[in-house]
PDB file of N, CA and C in Angstrom:
ATOM      1  N   UNK A   1      -7.615  -4.866   4.663  1.00  0.00           N
ATOM      2  CA  UNK A   1      -6.426  -5.124   4.444  1.00  0.00           C
ATOM      3  C   UNK A   1      -5.857  -5.889   2.952  1.00  0.00           C
ATOM      4  N   UNK A   2      -7.243  -5.964   2.926  1.00  0.00           N
ATOM      5  CA  UNK A   2      -7.197  -7.466   1.175  1.00  0.00           C
ATOM      6  C   UNK A   2      -6.774  -6.189   0.554  1.00  0.00           C
ATOM      7  N   UNK A   3      -7.742  -5.448   0.657  1.00  0.00           N
ATOM      8  CA  UNK A   3      -8.089  -3.359  -0.432  1.00  0.00           C
ATOM      9  C   UNK A   3      -6.034  -3.257  -1.180  1.00  0.00           C
ATOM     10  N   UNK A   4      -5.606  -3.744   0.288  1.00  0.00           N
ATOM     11  CA  UNK A   4      -3.987  -2.943  -0.188  1.00  0.00           C
ATOM     12  C   UNK A   4      -3.276  -4.312  -0.075  1.00  0.00           C
ATOM     13  N   UNK A   5      -3.624  -5.554  -0.333  1.00  0.00           N
ATOM     14  CA  UNK A   5      -3.205  -6.630  -1.291  1.00  0.00           C
ATOM     15  C   UNK A   5      -3.154  -6.384  -2.022  1.00  0.00           C
ATOM     16  N   UNK A   6      -4.353  -6.188  -3.076  1.00  0.00           N
ATOM     17  CA  UNK A   6      -4.911  -6.186  -4.017  1.00  0.00           C
ATOM     18  C   UNK A   6      -4.372  -5.254  -4.546  1.00  0.00           C
ATOM     19  N   UNK A   7      -4.263  -4.070  -4.507  1.00  0.00           N
ATOM     20  CA  UNK A   7      -3.709  -3.020  -4.937  1.00  0.00           C
ATOM     21  C   UNK A   7      -1.904  -3.239  -4.995  1.00  0.00           C
ATOM     22  N   UNK A   8      -0.753  -3.476  -4.276  1.00  0.00           N
ATOM     23  CA  UNK A   8       0.116  -3.980  -4.318  1.00  0.00           C
ATOM     24  C   UNK A   8       0.018  -5.180  -6.072  1.00  0.00           C
ATOM     25  N   UNK A   9      -0.914  -6.672  -5.126  1.00  0.00           N
ATOM     26  CA  UNK A   9      -0.736  -7.401  -6.933  1.00  0.00           C
ATOM     27  C   UNK A   9      -0.680  -6.830  -8.647  1.00  0.00           C
ATOM     28  N   UNK A  10      -1.463  -5.727  -7.890  1.00  0.00           N
ATOM     29  CA  UNK A  10      -1.871  -4.958  -9.437  1.00  0.00           C
ATOM     30  C   UNK A  10      -0.425  -3.966  -9.651  1.00  0.00           C
ATOM     31  N   UNK A  11      -0.280  -3.287  -8.738  1.00  0.00           N
ATOM     32  CA  UNK A  11       1.381  -2.769  -8.675  1.00  0.00           C
ATOM     33  C   UNK A  11       2.344  -3.584  -9.322  1.00  0.00           C
ATOM     34  N   UNK A  12       2.606  -4.793  -9.541  1.00  0.00           N
ATOM     35  CA  UNK A  12       3.413  -5.280  -9.619  1.00  0.00           C
ATOM     36  C   UNK A  12       3.073  -5.836 -11.594  1.00  0.00           C
ATOM     37  N   UNK A  13       2.063  -5.808 -10.901  1.00  0.00           N
ATOM     38  CA  UNK A  13       1.499  -6.399 -12.856  1.00  0.00           C
ATOM     39  C   UNK A  13       2.035  -5.476 -13.625  1.00  0.00           C
ATOM     40  N   UNK A  14       1.800  -4.201 -13.231  1.00  0.00           N
ATOM     41  CA  UNK A  14       2.214  -3.527 -13.432  1.00  0.00           C
ATOM     42  C   UNK A  14       4.122  -2.788 -14.630  1.00  0.00           C
ATOM     43  N   UNK A  15       4.348  -2.904 -12.902  1.00  0.00           N
ATOM     44  CA  UNK A  15       5.693  -3.373 -13.047  1.00  0.00           C
ATOM     45  C   UNK A  15       6.393  -3.969 -14.162  1.00  0.00           C
ATOM     46  N   UNK A  16       6.239  -5.698 -14.360  1.00  0.00           N
ATOM     47  CA  UNK A  16       6.576  -6.143 -14.696  1.00  0.00           C
ATOM     48  C   UNK A  16       5.837  -5.864 -16.624  1.00  0.00           C
ATOM     49  N   UNK A  17       4.539  -5.429 -17.533  1.00  0.00           N
ATOM     50  CA  UNK A  17       4.581  -4.885 -17.485  1.00  0.00           C
ATOM     51  C   UNK A  17       4.605  -3.886 -18.261  1.00  0.00           C
ATOM     52  N   UNK A  18       5.265  -3.121 -17.191  1.00  0.00           N
ATOM     53  CA  UNK A  18       5.857  -2.153 -17.784  1.00  0.00           C
ATOM     54  C   UNK A  18       4.999  -1.496 -18.628  1.00  0.00           C
ATOM     55  N   UNK A  19       4.094  -1.230 -17.636  1.00  0.00           N
ATOM     56  CA  UNK A  19       2.671   0.050 -18.254  1.00  0.00           C
ATOM     57  C   UNK A  19       2.397   1.666 -17.701  1.00  0.00           C
ATOM     58  N   UNK A  20       2.305   2.257 -18.102  1.00  0.00           N
ATOM     59  CA  UNK A  20       2.322   3.644 -18.364  1.00  0.00           C
ATOM     60  C   UNK A  20       1.674   4.369 -16.628  1.00  0.00           C
ATOM     61  N   UNK A  21      -0.179   2.899 -16.613  1.00  0.00           N
ATOM     62  CA  UNK A  21       0.032   3.920 -15.855  1.00  0.00           C
ATOM     63  C   UNK A  21      -0.362   3.695 -13.962  1.00  0.00           C
ATOM     64  N   UNK A  22       1.116   2.792 -14.127  1.00  0.00           N
ATOM     65  CA  UNK A  22       2.299   2.245 -12.513  1.00  0.00           C
ATOM     66  C   UNK A  22       1.935   3.002 -12.227  1.00  0.00           C
ATOM     67  N   UNK A  23       3.221   4.147 -11.830  1.00  0.00           N
ATOM     68  CA  UNK A  23       2.999   5.099 -11.036  1.00  0.00           C
ATOM     69  C   UNK A  23       1.811   5.954 -10.294  1.00  0.00           C
ATOM     70  N   UNK A  24       0.852   6.572 -11.199  1.00  0.00           N
ATOM     71  CA  UNK A  24       0.571   7.139 -10.338  1.00  0.00           C
ATOM     72  C   UNK A  24      -0.716   5.956  -9.253  1.00  0.00           C
ATOM     73  N   UNK A  25      -1.252   4.470 -10.401  1.00  0.00           N
ATOM     74  CA  UNK A  25      -1.075   3.018  -9.149  1.00  0.00           C
ATOM     75  C   UNK A  25      -0.797   2.962  -7.874  1.00  0.00           C
ATOM     76  N   UNK A  26       0.836   3.378  -7.821  1.00  0.00           N
ATOM     77  CA  UNK A  26       1.123   3.144  -6.944  1.00  0.00           C
ATOM     78  C   UNK A  26       1.849   3.759  -6.226  1.00  0.00           C
ATOM     79  N   UNK A  27       1.635   5.235  -6.883  1.00  0.00           N
ATOM     80  CA  UNK A  27       1.535   6.582  -5.654  1.00  0.00           C
ATOM     81  C   UNK A  27      -0.453   6.141  -4.238  1.00  0.00           C
ATOM     82  N   UNK A  28      -1.196   5.499  -5.256  1.00  0.00           N
ATOM     83  CA  UNK A  28      -1.958   5.659  -4.367  1.00  0.00           C
ATOM     84  C   UNK A  28      -1.656   4.676  -3.943  1.00  0.00           C
ATOM     85  N   UNK A  29      -1.790   3.151  -3.991  1.00  0.00           N
ATOM     86  CA  UNK A  29      -1.133   2.192  -3.089  1.00  0.00           C
ATOM     87  C   UNK A  29      -0.973   2.761  -1.757  1.00  0.00           C
ATOM     88  N   UNK A  30       0.364   4.241  -1.858  1.00  0.00           N
ATOM     89  CA  UNK A  30       1.028   3.537  -0.828  1.00  0.00           C
ATOM     90  C   UNK A  30       0.172   4.789  -0.371  1.00  0.00           C
ATOM     91  N   UNK A  31      -0.550   5.461  -0.638  1.00  0.00           N
ATOM     92  CA  UNK A  31      -1.214   5.979   0.446  1.00  0.00           C
ATOM     93  C   UNK A  31      -2.268   5.591   0.707  1.00  0.00           C
ATOM     94  N   UNK A  32      -3.296   5.032  -0.270  1.00  0.00           N
ATOM     95  CA  UNK A  32      -4.261   4.046   1.068  1.00  0.00           C
ATOM     96  C   UNK A  32      -3.431   2.750   1.952  1.00  0.00           C
ATOM     97  N   UNK A  33      -1.899   2.007   1.786  1.00  0.00           N
ATOM     98  CA  UNK A  33      -1.482   1.829   2.611  1.00  0.00           C
ATOM     99  C   UNK A  33      -0.838   2.122   3.795  1.00  0.00           C
ATOM    100  N   UNK A  34      -0.942   3.617   3.692  1.00  0.00           N
ATOM    101  CA  UNK A  34      -0.370   4.426   5.221  1.00  0.00           C
ATOM    102  C   UNK A  34      -1.674   5.212   5.523  1.00  0.00           C
ATOM    103  N   UNK A  35      -3.049   4.863   5.370  1.00  0.00           N
ATOM    104  CA  UNK A  35      -4.089   5.002   5.504  1.00  0.00           C
ATOM    105  C   UNK A  35      -4.867   3.855   6.563  1.00  0.00           C
ATOM    106  N   UNK A  36      -4.227   3.363   6.100  1.00  0.00           N
ATOM    107  CA  UNK A  36      -3.948   1.404   6.460  1.00  0.00           C
ATOM    108  C   UNK A  36      -3.813   1.168   7.974  1.00  0.00           C
ATOM    109  N   UNK A  37      -2.732   1.136   7.614  1.00  0.00           N
ATOM    110  CA  UNK A  37      -1.662   1.526   8.894  1.00  0.00           C
ATOM    111  C   UNK A  37      -1.907   1.755  10.199  1.00  0.00           C
ATOM    112  N   UNK A  38      -2.628   3.767   9.456  1.00  0.00           N
ATOM    113  CA  UNK A  38      -2.402   4.183  11.145  1.00  0.00           C
ATOM    114  C   UNK A  38      -3.842   3.678  11.388  1.00  0.00           C
ATOM    115  N   UNK A  39      -4.994   3.499  10.728  1.00  0.00           N
ATOM    116  CA  UNK A  39      -6.009   2.921  10.926  1.00  0.00           C
ATOM    117  C   UNK A  39      -5.863   1.971  12.584  1.00  0.00           C
ATOM    118  N   UNK A  40      -5.022   1.278  11.783  1.00  0.00           N
ATOM    119  CA  UNK A  40      -5.281   0.111  12.381  1.00  0.00           C
ATOM    120  C   UNK A  40      -4.105  -0.533  13.322  1.00  0.00           C
ATOM    121  N   UNK A  41      -3.482   0.177  13.703  1.00  0.00           N
ATOM    122  CA  UNK A  41      -2.113   0.729  14.863  1.00  0.00           C
ATOM    123  C   UNK A  41      -2.939   1.450  15.922  1.00  0.00           C
ATOM    124  N   UNK A  42      -3.888   1.179  16.205  1.00  0.00           N
ATOM    125  CA  UNK A  42      -3.729   1.444  17.504  1.00  0.00           C
ATOM    126  C   UNK A  42      -3.121   1.427  18.730  1.00  0.00           C
ATOM    127  N   UNK A  43      -2.595   0.653  19.195  1.00  0.00           N
ATOM    128  CA  UNK A  43      -1.995  -0.043  20.266  1.00  0.00           C
ATOM    129  C   UNK A  43      -1.483   1.307  20.783  1.00  0.00           C
ATOM    130  N   UNK A  44      -1.895   1.387  22.240  1.00  0.00           N
ATOM    131  CA  UNK A  44      -0.966   2.236  22.559  1.00  0.00           C
ATOM    132  C   UNK A  44      -0.281   1.806  23.424  1.00  0.00           C
ATOM    133  N   UNK A  45       0.672   1.390  23.465  1.00  0.00           N
ATOM    134  CA  UNK A  45       1.421   0.496  23.655  1.00  0.00           C
ATOM    135  C   UNK A  45       2.739   0.836  23.543  1.00  0.00           C
ATOM    136  N   UNK A  46       4.062   2.219  22.877  1.00  0.00           N
ATOM    137  CA  UNK A  46       5.225   2.432  21.981  1.00  0.00           C
ATOM    138  C   UNK A  46       5.908   1.053  22.125  1.00  0.00           C
ATOM    139  N   UNK A  47       7.123   1.207  20.922  1.00  0.00           N
ATOM    140  CA  UNK A  47       7.424  -0.091  20.655  1.00  0.00           C
ATOM    141  C   UNK A  47       8.567   0.431  20.452  1.00  0.00           C
ATOM    142  N   UNK A  48       9.310   1.001  22.305  1.00  0.00           N
ATOM    143  CA  UNK A  48      11.090   1.852  22.360  1.00  0.00           C
ATOM    144  C   UNK A  48      11.732   0.571  22.562  1.00  0.00           C
ATOM    145  N   UNK A  49      12.241   0.036  21.647  1.00  0.00           N
ATOM    146  CA  UNK A  49      12.750  -1.117  21.420  1.00  0.00           C
ATOM    147  C   UNK A  49      14.904  -0.084  21.686  1.00  0.00           C
TER     148      UNK A  49
END
């Protein structure tokens, strides 16, 4: 989870610096976030409100 946080900090730094590498890093960060959330959200109780 810490790696996800660090990657998002890098993405926001790239946005503020208007760097060209921001979009590919953002896409990789979104995919990595989805992978981590999928791995960590293993609760069998559905959250139906």
